[in-house]
Structures are given as C-alpha cells and as structure tokens.
C-alpha cells in the first residue's frame, strides 16, 4: 500500500530532472535511500559533470505546476536539500 511520495529535484541553478520515490508503508525514507534518489536526479541533470550538486526534496503534496508553465516546470515548498556527487 502506498502511503507517501517524496520528490527530488535539482535546485534552480541547474535545469534538471525530477525523481519520485514511492514509499510503501514507511513514513520517512532512510538517508541512504534519499542519497541514492538524489544521485539519480543529479545524473540525469545538466549538472551531471559537477562534483557537488544540490538536490532539493519534499513531499509530492508540496509540488505544484504553475498555470501556463512550460512542461517540466514546477514550484515547491517545504523542501530540504542534499548535496551529492553524480
């Protein structure tokens, strides 16, 4: 049963990819899982050749697509940041 979704996105300084981690009956993902998902987002972004890539994450309920926005453009709140190396 799916209970919660967590969202990962490269910070605004880079155009990037979005990843979604589906959590099955777990309220909070462990740090290793968050780092793996953040690394996947970094690998698929324009920052893939950088050494320290900031990746924001938050629950999907805090991710919104503005009206009239280009495909892939979202805004989010309640985020935290991980810094990973792709």
N, C-alpha and C. Protein backbone atom coordinates (compact mmCIF):
# COMPACT_ATOMS: atom_id res chain seq x y z
N UNK A 1 0.83 -1.18 0.00
CA UNK A 1 0.00 0.00 0.00
C UNK A 1 0.88 1.25 0.00
N UNK A 2 0.59 2.17 -0.85
CA UNK A 2 1.38 3.40 -0.96
C UNK A 2 0.89 4.41 0.07
N UNK A 3 1.81 4.96 0.85
CA UNK A 3 1.40 5.88 1.88
C UNK A 3 1.86 7.31 1.64
N UNK A 4 2.96 7.50 0.93
CA UNK A 4 3.53 8.83 0.81
C UNK A 4 4.49 8.87 -0.37
N UNK A 5 4.64 10.02 -0.96
CA UNK A 5 5.61 10.18 -2.04
C UNK A 5 6.60 11.27 -1.67
N UNK A 6 7.83 11.09 -2.06
CA UNK A 6 8.85 12.12 -1.85
C UNK A 6 9.38 12.52 -3.21
N UNK A 7 9.67 13.78 -3.36
CA UNK A 7 10.04 14.37 -4.64
C UNK A 7 11.47 14.86 -4.59
N UNK A 8 12.24 14.61 -5.62
CA UNK A 8 13.61 15.13 -5.70
C UNK A 8 13.79 15.97 -6.94
N UNK A 9 14.43 17.09 -6.83
CA UNK A 9 14.64 17.96 -7.98
C UNK A 9 15.96 18.70 -7.82
N UNK A 10 16.65 18.90 -8.92
CA UNK A 10 17.87 19.70 -8.91
C UNK A 10 17.48 21.14 -8.60
N UNK A 11 18.29 21.81 -7.81
CA UNK A 11 17.97 23.19 -7.45
C UNK A 11 17.91 24.10 -8.66
N UNK A 12 17.39 25.30 -8.46
CA UNK A 12 17.12 26.24 -9.54
C UNK A 12 18.34 26.67 -10.34
N UNK A 13 19.56 26.46 -9.83
CA UNK A 13 20.75 26.88 -10.57
C UNK A 13 21.00 25.99 -11.79
N UNK A 14 20.41 24.82 -11.83
CA UNK A 14 20.57 23.91 -12.95
C UNK A 14 19.19 23.48 -13.43
N UNK A 15 19.07 23.27 -14.75
CA UNK A 15 17.86 22.60 -15.19
C UNK A 15 18.10 21.13 -14.92
N UNK A 16 17.07 20.44 -14.51
CA UNK A 16 17.36 19.09 -14.08
C UNK A 16 16.22 18.13 -14.28
N UNK A 17 16.36 17.05 -13.61
CA UNK A 17 15.36 16.00 -13.69
C UNK A 17 14.59 15.96 -12.39
N UNK A 18 13.47 15.32 -12.45
CA UNK A 18 12.64 15.13 -11.27
C UNK A 18 12.59 13.63 -11.01
N UNK A 19 12.68 13.25 -9.78
CA UNK A 19 12.53 11.84 -9.42
C UNK A 19 11.47 11.73 -8.36
N UNK A 20 10.77 10.63 -8.36
CA UNK A 20 9.75 10.37 -7.34
C UNK A 20 10.06 9.04 -6.69
N UNK A 21 10.11 9.06 -5.38
CA UNK A 21 10.35 7.87 -4.58
C UNK A 21 9.03 7.44 -3.97
N UNK A 22 8.54 6.29 -4.35
CA UNK A 22 7.29 5.77 -3.78
C UNK A 22 7.64 4.99 -2.52
N UNK A 23 6.98 5.35 -1.45
CA UNK A 23 7.25 4.71 -0.16
C UNK A 23 6.10 3.78 0.20
N UNK A 24 6.43 2.56 0.49
CA UNK A 24 5.44 1.55 0.87
C UNK A 24 5.44 1.39 2.38
N UNK A 25 4.44 1.91 3.03
CA UNK A 25 4.26 1.76 4.49
C UNK A 25 5.44 2.25 5.32
N UNK A 26 6.18 3.21 4.81
CA UNK A 26 7.29 3.78 5.57
C UNK A 26 7.05 5.29 5.67
N UNK A 27 7.02 5.84 6.87
CA UNK A 27 6.74 7.27 6.98
C UNK A 27 7.87 8.16 6.47
N UNK A 28 9.12 7.76 6.66
CA UNK A 28 10.26 8.59 6.28
C UNK A 28 11.32 7.69 5.67
N UNK A 29 11.86 8.04 4.48
CA UNK A 29 12.93 7.22 3.91
C UNK A 29 14.23 7.42 4.69
N UNK A 30 15.05 6.37 4.72
CA UNK A 30 16.35 6.50 5.41
C UNK A 30 17.30 7.34 4.56
N UNK A 31 18.36 7.82 5.17
CA UNK A 31 19.28 8.75 4.48
C UNK A 31 19.96 8.09 3.28
N UNK A 32 20.27 6.81 3.34
CA UNK A 32 20.89 6.13 2.19
C UNK A 32 19.97 6.15 0.98
N UNK A 33 18.68 5.91 1.21
CA UNK A 33 17.71 5.93 0.12
C UNK A 33 17.58 7.32 -0.47
N UNK A 34 17.51 8.33 0.38
CA UNK A 34 17.43 9.71 -0.12
C UNK A 34 18.65 10.08 -0.95
N UNK A 35 19.83 9.66 -0.51
CA UNK A 35 21.06 9.96 -1.25
C UNK A 35 21.05 9.26 -2.61
N UNK A 36 20.59 8.01 -2.67
CA UNK A 36 20.53 7.29 -3.94
C UNK A 36 19.58 7.98 -4.91
N UNK A 37 18.42 8.40 -4.44
CA UNK A 37 17.45 9.06 -5.31
C UNK A 37 17.97 10.43 -5.76
N UNK A 38 18.61 11.17 -4.86
CA UNK A 38 19.19 12.46 -5.21
C UNK A 38 20.29 12.29 -6.25
N UNK A 39 21.08 11.24 -6.12
CA UNK A 39 22.15 10.97 -7.09
C UNK A 39 21.56 10.65 -8.47
N UNK A 40 20.48 9.91 -8.51
CA UNK A 40 19.81 9.62 -9.79
C UNK A 40 19.35 10.91 -10.44
N UNK A 41 18.75 11.80 -9.65
CA UNK A 41 18.31 13.10 -10.19
C UNK A 41 19.50 13.89 -10.73
N UNK A 42 20.62 13.88 -10.01
CA UNK A 42 21.81 14.62 -10.43
C UNK A 42 22.41 14.03 -11.71
N UNK A 43 22.43 12.72 -11.82
CA UNK A 43 22.99 12.06 -13.01
C UNK A 43 22.20 12.43 -14.26
N UNK A 44 20.90 12.63 -14.12
CA UNK A 44 20.05 12.93 -15.27
C UNK A 44 19.81 14.43 -15.45
N UNK A 45 20.66 15.25 -14.87
CA UNK A 45 20.52 16.70 -14.98
C UNK A 45 21.70 17.28 -15.77
N UNK A 46 21.63 18.59 -16.02
CA UNK A 46 22.74 19.26 -16.69
C UNK A 46 23.94 19.42 -15.76
N UNK A 47 23.78 19.09 -14.49
CA UNK A 47 24.87 19.18 -13.52
C UNK A 47 25.61 17.86 -13.36
N UNK A 48 25.37 16.91 -14.26
CA UNK A 48 25.93 15.57 -14.10
C UNK A 48 27.46 15.52 -14.07
N UNK A 49 28.12 16.55 -14.57
CA UNK A 49 29.58 16.56 -14.55
C UNK A 49 30.14 17.38 -13.40
N UNK A 50 29.29 17.87 -12.54
CA UNK A 50 29.72 18.66 -11.38
C UNK A 50 30.07 17.74 -10.23
N UNK A 51 30.84 18.25 -9.29
CA UNK A 51 31.24 17.42 -8.16
C UNK A 51 30.28 17.52 -6.97
N UNK A 52 29.70 18.67 -6.76
CA UNK A 52 28.75 18.84 -5.66
C UNK A 52 27.46 19.44 -6.20
N UNK A 53 26.42 18.63 -6.27
CA UNK A 53 25.15 19.07 -6.86
C UNK A 53 24.10 19.16 -5.76
N UNK A 54 23.52 20.35 -5.54
CA UNK A 54 22.45 20.47 -4.56
C UNK A 54 21.14 19.93 -5.15
N UNK A 55 20.50 19.04 -4.42
CA UNK A 55 19.23 18.45 -4.85
C UNK A 55 18.19 18.72 -3.77
N UNK A 56 17.10 19.37 -4.16
CA UNK A 56 16.00 19.64 -3.22
C UNK A 56 15.06 18.45 -3.20
N UNK A 57 14.47 18.21 -2.04
CA UNK A 57 13.44 17.18 -1.96
C UNK A 57 12.35 17.62 -1.00
N UNK A 58 11.14 17.12 -1.27
CA UNK A 58 9.99 17.40 -0.42
C UNK A 58 8.91 16.38 -0.74
N UNK A 59 7.85 16.41 0.01
CA UNK A 59 6.72 15.54 -0.27
C UNK A 59 6.01 16.05 -1.52
N UNK A 60 5.46 15.12 -2.30
CA UNK A 60 4.80 15.48 -3.55
C UNK A 60 3.65 16.46 -3.32
N UNK A 61 2.99 16.40 -2.18
CA UNK A 61 1.86 17.31 -1.94
C UNK A 61 2.30 18.77 -1.93
N UNK A 62 3.60 19.04 -1.82
CA UNK A 62 4.11 20.41 -1.83
C UNK A 62 4.67 20.82 -3.20
N UNK A 63 4.44 20.01 -4.22
CA UNK A 63 4.91 20.31 -5.58
C UNK A 63 3.72 20.74 -6.41
N UNK A 64 3.85 21.89 -7.09
CA UNK A 64 2.76 22.42 -7.91
C UNK A 64 3.31 22.85 -9.26
N UNK A 65 2.49 22.70 -10.28
CA UNK A 65 2.82 23.22 -11.60
C UNK A 65 2.03 24.51 -11.78
N UNK A 66 2.72 25.63 -12.00
CA UNK A 66 2.01 26.89 -12.20
C UNK A 66 1.17 26.85 -13.48
N UNK A 67 0.04 27.54 -13.48
CA UNK A 67 -0.80 27.63 -14.68
C UNK A 67 0.00 28.23 -15.82
N UNK A 68 -0.07 27.59 -16.98
CA UNK A 68 0.61 28.10 -18.16
C UNK A 68 2.11 27.86 -18.20
N UNK A 69 2.65 27.14 -17.22
CA UNK A 69 4.09 26.89 -17.18
C UNK A 69 4.50 25.90 -18.27
N UNK A 70 5.76 26.00 -18.68
CA UNK A 70 6.30 25.07 -19.67
C UNK A 70 6.33 23.66 -19.09
N UNK A 71 6.34 22.64 -19.96
CA UNK A 71 6.43 21.27 -19.47
C UNK A 71 7.65 21.07 -18.58
N UNK A 72 7.46 20.41 -17.46
CA UNK A 72 8.56 20.13 -16.54
C UNK A 72 8.81 21.21 -15.51
N UNK A 73 8.20 22.38 -15.67
CA UNK A 73 8.40 23.48 -14.73
C UNK A 73 7.48 23.30 -13.53
N UNK A 74 8.05 23.26 -12.35
CA UNK A 74 7.27 23.15 -11.12
C UNK A 74 7.81 24.11 -10.07
N UNK A 75 7.00 24.39 -9.08
CA UNK A 75 7.45 25.11 -7.91
C UNK A 75 7.16 24.22 -6.70
N UNK A 76 7.94 24.39 -5.66
CA UNK A 76 7.74 23.54 -4.49
C UNK A 76 8.10 24.31 -3.23
N UNK A 77 7.55 23.83 -2.11
CA UNK A 77 7.81 24.42 -0.80
C UNK A 77 8.12 23.30 0.17
N UNK A 78 8.44 23.65 1.40
CA UNK A 78 8.74 22.68 2.46
C UNK A 78 9.88 21.74 2.06
N UNK A 79 10.85 22.25 1.32
CA UNK A 79 11.91 21.40 0.83
C UNK A 79 13.13 21.41 1.74
N UNK A 80 13.90 20.36 1.62
CA UNK A 80 15.22 20.23 2.25
C UNK A 80 16.20 19.98 1.11
N UNK A 81 17.49 20.13 1.37
CA UNK A 81 18.49 20.00 0.33
C UNK A 81 19.56 18.99 0.72
N UNK A 82 19.91 18.14 -0.23
CA UNK A 82 21.05 17.23 -0.11
C UNK A 82 22.09 17.66 -1.15
N UNK A 83 23.35 17.51 -0.87
CA UNK A 83 24.40 17.76 -1.84
C UNK A 83 25.05 16.43 -2.17
N UNK A 84 25.01 16.06 -3.46
CA UNK A 84 25.52 14.76 -3.89
C UNK A 84 26.51 14.93 -5.04
N UNK A 85 27.28 13.90 -5.29
CA UNK A 85 28.16 13.84 -6.45
C UNK A 85 27.63 12.77 -7.39
N UNK A 86 27.28 13.17 -8.63
CA UNK A 86 26.73 12.18 -9.59
C UNK A 86 27.76 11.12 -9.97
